C-alpha atoms as a PDB file:
ATOM      1  CA  MET A   1     122.554 156.004  87.142  1.00  0.00           C
ATOM      2  CA  LYS A   2     124.024 159.487  87.376  1.00  0.00           C
ATOM      3  CA  ASN A   3     125.822 160.496  90.530  1.00  0.00           C
ATOM      4  CA  SER A   4     124.315 163.749  91.827  1.00  0.00           C
ATOM      5  CA  LYS A   5     126.614 166.145  93.610  1.00  0.00           C
ATOM      6  CA  SER A   6     126.053 166.841  97.259  1.00  0.00           C
ATOM      7  CA  VAL A   7     125.247 170.321  98.537  1.00  0.00           C
ATOM      8  CA  ALA A   8     128.775 170.705  99.897  1.00  0.00           C
ATOM      9  CA  GLU A   9     130.289 169.805  96.521  1.00  0.00           C
ATOM     10  CA  ARG A  10     128.063 172.294  94.728  1.00  0.00           C
ATOM     11  CA  ILE A  11     128.973 175.036  97.184  1.00  0.00           C
ATOM     12  CA  PHE A  12     132.647 174.216  96.703  1.00  0.00           C
ATOM     13  CA  ASP A  13     132.314 174.289  92.889  1.00  0.00           C
ATOM     14  CA  GLY A  14     130.434 177.582  93.028  1.00  0.00           C
ATOM     15  CA  SER A  15     133.041 179.111  95.347  1.00  0.00           C
ATOM     16  CA  LEU A  16     135.792 177.919  93.042  1.00  0.00           C
ATOM     17  CA  TYR A  17     134.147 179.532  90.003  1.00  0.00           C
ATOM     18  CA  VAL A  18     133.655 182.787  91.897  1.00  0.00           C
ATOM     19  CA  PHE A  19     137.281 182.758  93.033  1.00  0.00           C
ATOM     20  CA  LEU A  20     138.555 182.131  89.489  1.00  0.00           C
ATOM     21  CA  ALA A  21     136.293 184.850  88.124  1.00  0.00           C
ATOM     22  CA  VAL A  22     137.671 187.330  90.683  1.00  0.00           C
ATOM     23  CA  ILE A  23     141.259 186.381  89.818  1.00  0.00           C
ATOM     24  CA  PHE A  24     140.484 186.837  86.116  1.00  0.00           C
ATOM     25  CA  LEU A  25     138.960 190.280  86.682  1.00  0.00           C
ATOM     26  CA  VAL A  26     141.812 191.434  88.908  1.00  0.00           C
ATOM     27  CA  THR A  27     144.454 190.373  86.379  1.00  0.00           C
ATOM     28  CA  PHE A  28     142.618 191.330  83.203  1.00  0.00           C
ATOM     29  CA  TYR A  29     141.006 194.633  84.140  1.00  0.00           C
ATOM     30  CA  PRO A  30     144.234 196.746  84.293  1.00  0.00           C
ATOM     31  CA  PHE A  31     145.077 195.625  80.765  1.00  0.00           C
ATOM     32  CA  TRP A  32     141.516 196.362  79.609  1.00  0.00           C
ATOM     33  CA  ASN A  33     141.551 199.796  81.242  1.00  0.00           C
ATOM     34  CA  ILE A  34     144.778 200.688  79.417  1.00  0.00           C
ATOM     35  CA  LEU A  35     143.096 199.723  76.154  1.00  0.00           C
ATOM     36  CA  VAL A  36     140.011 201.796  76.982  1.00  0.00           C
ATOM     37  CA  ILE A  37     142.058 204.904  77.800  1.00  0.00           C
ATOM     38  CA  SER A  38     144.153 204.507  74.651  1.00  0.00           C
ATOM     39  CA  LEU A  39     140.979 204.354  72.529  1.00  0.00           C
ATOM     40  CA  ASN A  40     139.197 207.247  74.207  1.00  0.00           C
ATOM     41  CA  ASP A  41     139.341 210.944  73.349  1.00  0.00           C
ATOM     42  CA  ALA A  42     142.075 212.536  75.490  1.00  0.00           C
ATOM     43  CA  THR A  43     139.983 215.535  76.518  1.00  0.00           C
ATOM     44  CA  ASP A  44     137.151 213.309  77.632  1.00  0.00           C
ATOM     45  CA  THR A  45     139.562 211.057  79.544  1.00  0.00           C
ATOM     46  CA  LEU A  46     140.552 213.979  81.775  1.00  0.00           C
ATOM     47  CA  LYS A  47     136.993 214.021  83.159  1.00  0.00           C
ATOM     48  CA  GLY A  48     137.624 210.637  84.809  1.00  0.00           C
ATOM     49  CA  SER A  49     135.143 207.836  85.492  1.00  0.00           C
ATOM     50  CA  LEU A  50     136.386 205.853  82.505  1.00  0.00           C
ATOM     51  CA  TYR A  51     136.186 202.204  83.448  1.00  0.00           C
ATOM     52  CA  PHE A  52     134.825 199.619  81.027  1.00  0.00           C
ATOM     53  CA  TRP A  53     134.548 201.146  77.526  1.00  0.00           C
ATOM     54  CA  PRO A  54     135.456 204.356  75.690  1.00  0.00           C
ATOM     55  CA  ARG A  55     132.908 207.163  75.905  1.00  0.00           C
ATOM     56  CA  MET A  56     134.310 208.907  72.821  1.00  0.00           C
ATOM     57  CA  PRO A  57     136.175 206.282  70.764  1.00  0.00           C
ATOM     58  CA  THR A  58     139.058 207.466  68.598  1.00  0.00           C
ATOM     59  CA  PHE A  59     142.251 205.993  67.143  1.00  0.00           C
ATOM     60  CA  GLU A  60     144.041 209.327  67.254  1.00  0.00           C
ATOM     61  CA  SER A  61     146.569 208.202  69.872  1.00  0.00           C
ATOM     62  CA  TYR A  62     147.620 205.261  67.704  1.00  0.00           C
ATOM     63  CA  ILE A  63     147.729 207.427  64.571  1.00  0.00           C
ATOM     64  CA  THR A  64     149.946 209.880  66.436  1.00  0.00           C
ATOM     65  CA  ILE A  65     152.503 207.363  67.664  1.00  0.00           C
ATOM     66  CA  PHE A  66     152.720 205.626  64.293  1.00  0.00           C
ATOM     67  CA  ARG A  67     153.670 208.960  62.760  1.00  0.00           C
ATOM     68  CA  ASN A  68     156.805 208.937  64.886  1.00  0.00           C
ATOM     69  CA  PRO A  69     159.797 207.412  62.992  1.00  0.00           C
ATOM     70  CA  GLU A  70     161.377 206.341  66.298  1.00  0.00           C
ATOM     71  CA  ILE A  71     158.447 204.015  66.995  1.00  0.00           C
ATOM     72  CA  TRP A  72     158.705 202.369  63.568  1.00  0.00           C
ATOM     73  CA  SER A  73     162.465 201.934  63.934  1.00  0.00           C
ATOM     74  CA  ALA A  74     161.987 200.397  67.389  1.00  0.00           C
ATOM     75  CA  ILE A  75     159.315 198.021  66.087  1.00  0.00           C
ATOM     76  CA  LYS A  76     161.588 196.829  63.261  1.00  0.00           C
ATOM     77  CA  VAL A  77     164.510 196.272  65.649  1.00  0.00           C
ATOM     78  CA  THR A  78     162.309 194.420  68.147  1.00  0.00           C
ATOM     79  CA  VAL A  79     160.688 192.173  65.532  1.00  0.00           C
ATOM     80  CA  LEU A  80     164.059 191.373  63.951  1.00  0.00           C
ATOM     81  CA  ARG A  81     165.588 190.704  67.332  1.00  0.00           C
ATOM     82  CA  THR A  82     162.726 188.420  68.360  1.00  0.00           C
ATOM     83  CA  VAL A  83     162.757 186.396  65.135  1.00  0.00           C
ATOM     84  CA  VAL A  84     166.529 186.048  64.770  1.00  0.00           C
ATOM     85  CA  GLY A  85     167.235 185.605  68.467  1.00  0.00           C
ATOM     86  CA  THR A  86     164.524 183.005  68.990  1.00  0.00           C
ATOM     87  CA  ALA A  87     165.486 180.968  65.902  1.00  0.00           C
ATOM     88  CA  LEU A  88     169.210 180.926  66.687  1.00  0.00           C
ATOM     89  CA  SER A  89     168.634 180.146  70.355  1.00  0.00           C
ATOM     90  CA  ILE A  90     166.324 177.222  69.549  1.00  0.00           C
ATOM     91  CA  PHE A  91     168.897 175.827  67.148  1.00  0.00           C
ATOM     92  CA  CYS A  92     171.840 176.175  69.547  1.00  0.00           C
ATOM     93  CA  ILE A  93     169.937 175.019  72.626  1.00  0.00           C
ATOM     94  CA  SER A  94     168.575 171.935  70.856  1.00  0.00           C
ATOM     95  CA  MET A  95     172.012 170.938  69.545  1.00  0.00           C
ATOM     96  CA  LEU A  96     173.613 171.395  72.964  1.00  0.00           C
ATOM     97  CA  ALA A  97     170.788 169.472  74.628  1.00  0.00           C
ATOM     98  CA  TYR A  98     171.181 166.607  72.150  1.00  0.00           C
ATOM     99  CA  ALA A  99     174.909 166.425  72.828  1.00  0.00           C
ATOM    100  CA  LEU A 100     174.487 166.497  76.614  1.00  0.00           C
ATOM    101  CA  SER A 101     171.748 163.887  76.473  1.00  0.00           C
ATOM    102  CA  LYS A 102     174.481 161.393  75.512  1.00  0.00           C
ATOM    103  CA  ARG A 103     175.976 160.295  78.815  1.00  0.00           C
ATOM    104  CA  THR A 104     178.670 158.453  76.907  1.00  0.00           C
ATOM    105  CA  LEU A 105     180.060 161.816  75.774  1.00  0.00           C
ATOM    106  CA  LEU A 106     183.653 162.296  76.873  1.00  0.00           C
ATOM    107  CA  GLY A 107     183.652 164.790  79.737  1.00  0.00           C
ATOM    108  CA  TRP A 108     179.877 164.682  80.107  1.00  0.00           C
ATOM    109  CA  ARG A 109     179.955 165.406  83.848  1.00  0.00           C
ATOM    110  CA  PHE A 110     182.318 168.347  83.429  1.00  0.00           C
ATOM    111  CA  PHE A 111     180.277 169.967  80.650  1.00  0.00           C
ATOM    112  CA  SER A 112     177.017 169.439  82.511  1.00  0.00           C
ATOM    113  CA  PHE A 113     178.449 171.003  85.663  1.00  0.00           C
ATOM    114  CA  PHE A 114     179.983 173.841  83.637  1.00  0.00           C
ATOM    115  CA  PHE A 115     176.646 174.886  82.139  1.00  0.00           C
ATOM    116  CA  VAL A 116     174.605 174.387  85.316  1.00  0.00           C
ATOM    117  CA  PHE A 117     177.156 176.460  87.257  1.00  0.00           C
ATOM    118  CA  THR A 118     176.329 179.484  85.100  1.00  0.00           C
ATOM    119  CA  MET A 119     172.712 179.297  86.263  1.00  0.00           C
ATOM    120  CA  TYR A 120     173.671 180.186  89.821  1.00  0.00           C
ATOM    121  CA  PHE A 121     176.692 182.439  89.467  1.00  0.00           C
ATOM    122  CA  GLY A 122     177.329 185.415  87.192  1.00  0.00           C
ATOM    123  CA  GLY A 123     180.087 187.967  86.806  1.00  0.00           C
ATOM    124  CA  GLY A 124     177.907 190.987  87.538  1.00  0.00           C
ATOM    125  CA  LEU A 125     176.957 194.003  85.465  1.00  0.00           C
ATOM    126  CA  ILE A 126     180.361 195.713  85.200  1.00  0.00           C
ATOM    127  CA  PRO A 127     182.380 192.606  84.211  1.00  0.00           C
ATOM    128  CA  THR A 128     179.638 191.663  81.736  1.00  0.00           C
ATOM    129  CA  TYR A 129     179.751 195.136  80.212  1.00  0.00           C
ATOM    130  CA  MET A 130     183.573 194.946  79.945  1.00  0.00           C
ATOM    131  CA  VAL A 131     183.407 191.573  78.209  1.00  0.00           C
ATOM    132  CA  ILE A 132     180.765 192.752  75.744  1.00  0.00           C
ATOM    133  CA  LYS A 133     182.788 195.880  75.038  1.00  0.00           C
ATOM    134  CA  SER A 134     185.999 193.908  74.545  1.00  0.00           C
ATOM    135  CA  VAL A 135     184.403 191.716  71.854  1.00  0.00           C
ATOM    136  CA  GLY A 136     183.038 194.762  70.023  1.00  0.00           C
ATOM    137  CA  LEU A 137     179.316 194.259  70.605  1.00  0.00           C
ATOM    138  CA  ILE A 138     178.582 197.718  72.001  1.00  0.00           C
ATOM    139  CA  ASP A 139     176.242 199.577  69.640  1.00  0.00           C
ATOM    140  CA  SER A 140     175.751 196.432  67.578  1.00  0.00           C
ATOM    141  CA  PHE A 141     172.539 194.571  66.816  1.00  0.00           C
ATOM    142  CA  TRP A 142     174.237 191.309  67.786  1.00  0.00           C
ATOM    143  CA  VAL A 143     174.512 192.444  71.406  1.00  0.00           C
ATOM    144  CA  TYR A 144     170.851 191.414  71.612  1.00  0.00           C
ATOM    145  CA  ILE A 145     171.566 187.909  70.286  1.00  0.00           C
ATOM    146  CA  PHE A 146     174.955 186.467  71.340  1.00  0.00           C
ATOM    147  CA  PRO A 147     175.092 187.150  75.136  1.00  0.00           C
ATOM    148  CA  GLY A 148     171.833 185.300  75.755  1.00  0.00           C
ATOM    149  CA  LEU A 149     172.071 182.750  72.974  1.00  0.00           C
ATOM    150  CA  ILE A 150     171.796 179.733  75.279  1.00  0.00           C
ATOM    151  CA  GLY A 151     169.552 179.507  78.307  1.00  0.00           C
ATOM    152  CA  VAL A 152     170.697 176.668  80.550  1.00  0.00           C
ATOM    153  CA  PHE A 153     167.295 176.105  82.112  1.00  0.00           C
ATOM    154  CA  LEU A 154     165.703 175.785  78.679  1.00  0.00           C
ATOM    155  CA  MET A 155     168.514 173.486  77.600  1.00  0.00           C
ATOM    156  CA  ILE A 156     167.786 171.203  80.562  1.00  0.00           C
ATOM    157  CA  LEU A 157     164.113 171.033  79.540  1.00  0.00           C
ATOM    158  CA  VAL A 158     165.051 170.009  75.999  1.00  0.00           C
ATOM    159  CA  ARG A 159     167.698 167.543  77.199  1.00  0.00           C
ATOM    160  CA  THR A 160     165.221 165.855  79.557  1.00  0.00           C
ATOM    161  CA  PHE A 161     162.714 165.643  76.723  1.00  0.00           C
ATOM    162  CA  ILE A 162     165.286 164.058  74.407  1.00  0.00           C
ATOM    163  CA  GLU A 163     166.301 161.539  77.066  1.00  0.00           C
ATOM    164  CA  GLN A 164     162.717 160.247  77.083  1.00  0.00           C
ATOM    165  CA  ILE A 165     162.836 159.379  73.395  1.00  0.00           C
ATOM    166  CA  PRO A 166     163.361 155.603  73.043  1.00  0.00           C
ATOM    167  CA  GLY A 167     166.954 154.799  72.181  1.00  0.00           C
ATOM    168  CA  GLU A 168     165.790 152.117  69.739  1.00  0.00           C
ATOM    169  CA  ILE A 169     164.793 154.843  67.301  1.00  0.00           C
ATOM    170  CA  GLU A 170     168.362 156.099  67.017  1.00  0.00           C
ATOM    171  CA  GLU A 171     169.776 152.585  66.922  1.00  0.00           C
ATOM    172  CA  SER A 172     167.550 151.583  64.020  1.00  0.00           C
ATOM    173  CA  SER A 173     168.493 154.808  62.206  1.00  0.00           C
ATOM    174  CA  LYS A 174     172.186 154.065  62.608  1.00  0.00           C
ATOM    175  CA  ILE A 175     171.618 150.567  61.264  1.00  0.00           C
ATOM    176  CA  ASP A 176     170.065 152.199  58.199  1.00  0.00           C
ATOM    177  CA  GLY A 177     173.218 154.271  57.766  1.00  0.00           C
ATOM    178  CA  ALA A 178     172.203 157.608  59.308  1.00  0.00           C
ATOM    179  CA  ASN A 179     174.878 159.654  61.043  1.00  0.00           C
ATOM    180  CA  ASP A 180     174.401 161.864  64.113  1.00  0.00           C
ATOM    181  CA  LEU A 181     173.508 164.991  62.129  1.00  0.00           C
ATOM    182  CA  GLN A 182     170.902 163.152  60.078  1.00  0.00           C
ATOM    183  CA  ILE A 183     169.425 161.646  63.238  1.00  0.00           C
ATOM    184  CA  PHE A 184     169.303 165.042  64.895  1.00  0.00           C
ATOM    185  CA  PHE A 185     167.649 166.929  62.032  1.00  0.00           C
ATOM    186  CA  ARG A 186     165.369 164.215  60.664  1.00  0.00           C
ATOM    187  CA  ILE A 187     164.329 162.394  63.858  1.00  0.00           C
ATOM    188  CA  ILE A 188     165.115 164.285  67.045  1.00  0.00           C
ATOM    189  CA  MET A 189     164.023 167.741  65.916  1.00  0.00           C
ATOM    190  CA  PRO A 190     160.574 166.643  64.607  1.00  0.00           C
ATOM    191  CA  LEU A 191     159.949 164.673  67.782  1.00  0.00           C
ATOM    192  CA  CYS A 192     160.935 167.669  69.919  1.00  0.00           C
ATOM    193  CA  VAL A 193     158.402 170.074  68.383  1.00  0.00           C
ATOM    194  CA  PRO A 194     156.321 170.379  71.620  1.00  0.00           C
ATOM    195  CA  VAL A 195     159.246 171.314  73.846  1.00  0.00           C
ATOM    196  CA  LEU A 196     160.857 173.487  71.163  1.00  0.00           C
ATOM    197  CA  ALA A 197     157.604 175.395  70.742  1.00  0.00           C
ATOM    198  CA  THR A 198     157.492 175.875  74.512  1.00  0.00           C
ATOM    199  CA  ILE A 199     161.022 177.253  74.837  1.00  0.00           C
ATOM    200  CA  GLY A 200     160.432 179.268  71.669  1.00  0.00           C
ATOM    201  CA  LEU A 201     157.568 181.037  73.446  1.00  0.00           C
ATOM    202  CA  PHE A 202     159.784 181.747  76.461  1.00  0.00           C
ATOM    203  CA  LEU A 203     162.568 183.064  74.246  1.00  0.00           C
ATOM    204  CA  ALA A 204     160.249 185.210  72.117  1.00  0.00           C
ATOM    205  CA  ILE A 205     158.668 186.789  75.197  1.00  0.00           C
ATOM    206  CA  GLY A 206     162.109 187.430  76.667  1.00  0.00           C
ATOM    207  CA  HIS A 207     163.384 189.124  73.501  1.00  0.00           C
ATOM    208  CA  TRP A 208     160.218 191.138  72.954  1.00  0.00           C
ATOM    209  CA  ASN A 209     160.027 192.425  76.525  1.00  0.00           C
ATOM    210  CA  SER A 210     163.731 193.081  76.980  1.00  0.00           C
ATOM    211  CA  TRP A 211     164.751 196.709  77.359  1.00  0.00           C
ATOM    212  CA  TYR A 212     167.671 196.783  79.809  1.00  0.00           C
ATOM    213  CA  ASP A 213     170.288 195.533  77.357  1.00  0.00           C
ATOM    214  CA  SER A 214     169.142 198.165  74.865  1.00  0.00           C
ATOM    215  CA  TYR A 215     169.395 200.780  77.596  1.00  0.00           C
ATOM    216  CA  VAL A 216     172.939 199.754  78.665  1.00  0.00           C
ATOM    217  CA  TYR A 217     174.678 198.478  75.539  1.00  0.00           C
ATOM    218  CA  THR A 218     173.338 200.685  72.739  1.00  0.00           C
ATOM    219  CA  TYR A 219     173.420 204.437  72.187  1.00  0.00           C
ATOM    220  CA  LYS A 220     172.316 204.764  68.576  1.00  0.00           C
ATOM    221  CA  PRO A 221     168.603 205.646  68.261  1.00  0.00           C
ATOM    222  CA  ASP A 222     168.164 203.229  65.341  1.00  0.00           C
ATOM    223  CA  LEU A 223     169.173 200.301  67.609  1.00  0.00           C
ATOM    224  CA  LYS A 224     166.690 200.998  70.380  1.00  0.00           C
ATOM    225  CA  THR A 225     163.993 198.388  70.953  1.00  0.00           C
ATOM    226  CA  LEU A 226     160.298 199.088  71.361  1.00  0.00           C
ATOM    227  CA  GLN A 227     160.372 198.388  75.089  1.00  0.00           C
ATOM    228  CA  ALA A 228     163.336 200.751  75.529  1.00  0.00           C
ATOM    229  CA  VAL A 229     161.418 203.500  73.741  1.00  0.00           C
ATOM    230  CA  LEU A 230     158.411 202.782  75.954  1.00  0.00           C
ATOM    231  CA  VAL A 231     160.552 203.035  79.098  1.00  0.00           C
ATOM    232  CA  LYS A 232     162.003 206.283  77.812  1.00  0.00           C
ATOM    233  CA  ILE A 233     158.539 207.743  77.275  1.00  0.00           C
ATOM    234  CA  LEU A 234     157.311 206.583  80.684  1.00  0.00           C
ATOM    235  CA  ASN A 235     160.359 207.967  82.478  1.00  0.00           C
ATOM    236  CA  GLN A 236     160.386 211.307  80.713  1.00  0.00           C
ATOM    237  CA  PHE A 237     156.677 211.728  81.306  1.00  0.00           C
ATOM    238  CA  GLN A 238     157.328 211.514  85.042  1.00  0.00           C
ATOM    239  CA  THR A 239     160.167 214.041  84.932  1.00  0.00           C
ATOM    240  CA  ALA A 240     159.002 217.625  85.193  1.00  0.00           C
ATOM    241  CA  SER A 241     162.353 219.125  84.250  1.00  0.00           C
ATOM    242  CA  MET A 242     161.906 218.493  80.535  1.00  0.00           C
ATOM    243  CA  MET A 243     159.139 217.941  78.008  1.00  0.00           C
ATOM    244  CA  SER A 244     158.516 214.233  77.491  1.00  0.00           C
ATOM    245  CA  ASP A 245     158.435 212.407  74.200  1.00  0.00           C
ATOM    246  CA  ALA A 246     154.756 211.676  74.901  1.00  0.00           C
ATOM    247  CA  GLN A 247     153.991 215.386  75.175  1.00  0.00           C
ATOM    248  CA  GLN A 248     155.916 216.133  72.008  1.00  0.00           C
ATOM    249  CA  LEU A 249     153.950 213.458  70.188  1.00  0.00           C
ATOM    250  CA  ALA A 250     150.714 214.821  71.631  1.00  0.00           C
ATOM    251  CA  GLN A 251     151.481 218.300  70.340  1.00  0.00           C
ATOM    252  CA  SER A 252     152.177 217.000  66.860  1.00  0.00           C
ATOM    253  CA  SER A 253     148.531 216.027  66.396  1.00  0.00           C
ATOM    254  CA  LYS A 254     146.363 218.848  65.016  1.00  0.00           C
ATOM    255  CA  ARG A 255     143.063 217.124  64.339  1.00  0.00           C
ATOM    256  CA  ILE A 256     141.851 215.664  67.622  1.00  0.00           C
ATOM    257  CA  PRO A 257     143.854 216.558  70.762  1.00  0.00           C
ATOM    258  CA  VAL A 258     145.705 213.746  72.469  1.00  0.00           C
ATOM    259  CA  SER A 259     147.415 213.754  75.845  1.00  0.00           C
ATOM    260  CA  SER A 260     150.620 212.281  77.179  1.00  0.00           C
ATOM    261  CA  GLU A 261     148.469 209.821  79.146  1.00  0.00           C
ATOM    262  CA  SER A 262     146.732 208.507  76.036  1.00  0.00           C
ATOM    263  CA  ILE A 263     150.081 208.300  74.223  1.00  0.00           C
ATOM    264  CA  ARG A 264     151.564 206.261  77.052  1.00  0.00           C
ATOM    265  CA  MET A 265     148.635 203.865  77.033  1.00  0.00           C
ATOM    266  CA  ALA A 266     148.705 203.492  73.255  1.00  0.00           C
ATOM    267  CA  VAL A 267     152.452 202.767  73.230  1.00  0.00           C
ATOM    268  CA  THR A 268     151.936 200.221  76.012  1.00  0.00           C
ATOM    269  CA  MET A 269     149.307 198.424  73.921  1.00  0.00           C
ATOM    270  CA  VAL A 270     151.492 198.454  70.817  1.00  0.00           C
ATOM    271  CA  ALA A 271     154.336 196.923  72.829  1.00  0.00           C
ATOM    272  CA  THR A 272     152.133 194.295  74.483  1.00  0.00           C
ATOM    273  CA  LEU A 273     149.578 193.015  71.986  1.00  0.00           C
ATOM    274  CA  PRO A 274     151.890 191.348  69.409  1.00  0.00           C
ATOM    275  CA  ILE A 275     153.501 188.951  71.884  1.00  0.00           C
ATOM    276  CA  ILE A 276     150.102 188.129  73.416  1.00  0.00           C
ATOM    277  CA  MET A 277     148.819 187.151  69.978  1.00  0.00           C
ATOM    278  CA  VAL A 278     151.618 184.592  69.604  1.00  0.00           C
ATOM    279  CA  TYR A 279     150.463 182.460  72.528  1.00  0.00           C
ATOM    280  CA  PRO A 280     147.310 180.903  70.953  1.00  0.00           C
ATOM    281  CA  PHE A 281     149.446 179.417  68.164  1.00  0.00           C
ATOM    282  CA  VAL A 282     151.733 177.516  70.566  1.00  0.00           C
ATOM    283  CA  GLN A 283     149.259 176.851  73.367  1.00  0.00           C
ATOM    284  CA  LYS A 284     148.638 173.263  72.312  1.00  0.00           C
ATOM    285  CA  TYR A 285     152.350 172.523  72.704  1.00  0.00           C
ATOM    286  CA  PHE A 286     152.885 174.521  75.874  1.00  0.00           C
ATOM    287  CA  VAL A 287     151.615 172.187  78.615  1.00  0.00           C
ATOM    288  CA  LYS A 288     152.848 169.061  76.838  1.00  0.00           C
ATOM    289  CA  GLY A 289     156.316 170.523  76.380  1.00  0.00           C
ATOM    290  CA  ILE A 290     156.624 171.677  79.983  1.00  0.00           C
ATOM    291  CA  MET A 291     155.404 168.403  81.471  1.00  0.00           C
ATOM    292  CA  MET A 292     157.450 166.108  79.247  1.00  0.00           C
ATOM    293  CA  GLY A 293     160.540 168.290  79.516  1.00  0.00           C
ATOM    294  CA  ALA A 294     160.412 168.707  83.286  1.00  0.00           C
ATOM    295  CA  ILE A 295     159.326 165.252  84.478  1.00  0.00           C
ATOM    296  CA  LYS A 296     161.429 162.262  83.659  1.00  0.00           C
ATOM    297  CA  SER A 297     159.590 158.971  83.804  1.00  0.00           C
END
């Protein structure tokens, strides 16, 4: 016999669906509106009342920005930074987590405290800049990789995950003659795929969206990231004392007029869409990795 819901339960469920729908619209609509403006004719956009879909669809804004060599250079730097930085960080974080998961390690308490300490206290911007300059990373691609190679919070997630793996697996492997490196690469790493995929998503988003280190530590145009170029365009558009990059790009188009507003929206979409498209591929690991890495049974 099926249990029918009471009137109060139905009202609650309906209210919950309405609330979630409102939250979805509030969070999704700004992103959708940016896409609509970027796909609409710039002259028509100036008339206003552009809400849900383009009145005069055109890809001219995207064609215009992709003609700019600075955008292509920034995309290459950002993609390379995201791939290299994420891969190296996953490797280093997982090895450190495996080592610190062994409480028999000599000096385990000291090393654990040493890494956790860095989560709460930092040297500040000026000392950090001086250190990076002293090791020769200014105006170097590796300034994007080495300073943030290990995230302690992510390491703790991986370490907690590893600690939940039954110790009998490692013991049986050692009986079969496997050493620590073989155990790590052939047993631990495959078992840690959910949590590694989770921290990989965090790292990739961090690298893709980062712009401040590019703004502070690099001066060469060919080392600027996509987000740094976007910030530059947004800032210069708001400064009346000089012509912005967006306006210069807009003037370079001779077929269908584009505006600085449409250029800004198109660059925002180009900088945002790729990292959003990564999430569906790691979604199945995301919740599992977070739960198993954060809660120790």
